[in-house]
Amino acid sequence: MAMEIRWDDKVVEVSEDKNRELRESWVWTQVGPGSYRVNVEGKNYTVSAVEGPENSKMVVRISGVEREVEILDDRALLLDRMGMSAGDAAVDLELYAPMPGKVLSVLVKPGDVVQQGDSLIVLEAMKMENVIKSSVSATVESVPANADSAVEKGELLVKFSQE
């Protein structure tokens, strides 16, 4: 699984293939609940969780200095590459097509209450069926997407109402 950790203007990529040797040279020793001593290339750092994780953000203290870091998993990285942010409330209330394709089925209607992770739309793209899921728990306000219609990348599929 690929991940990125971001703070200020720095980005650390973490993936099984790219950083295996790097990670194997790091020695993590737990010194208390949520607190670790990390040895990286012979240098020791104290890393402690201060707040979070919440909405992919976390506050950590590294050798006495607090920093807010953003932790992006595969899903968040995909949204980021598509110009969307998993933590952006405006994006959360409007679901856009992540790629061009054909809507095979619409699984919700206006007024439906959905939970985060519920299936909303089945989109066929490149001869593959993609189930588009909700990133929020909300009420469906409108569904501009129709079954058997073609959509372009970035086209509005489902709009949610704020509660």
Foldseek 3Di string as FASTA:
>chain_A
DWKWKDFDHDIDIDDCPPCVVQVVQWDWDDPDVQWTWIAGPNDTWIKGWDDDDDLQWTWIAINRRITIMGMGDPVQVLCVVLVHGLNDVVCLQWDWAQAKFAWADADDAAFDWDAFFAFGTWTADPNDTDTDTHSHGFGWHHAPDDHGDIDGGGHTGTGGDDD
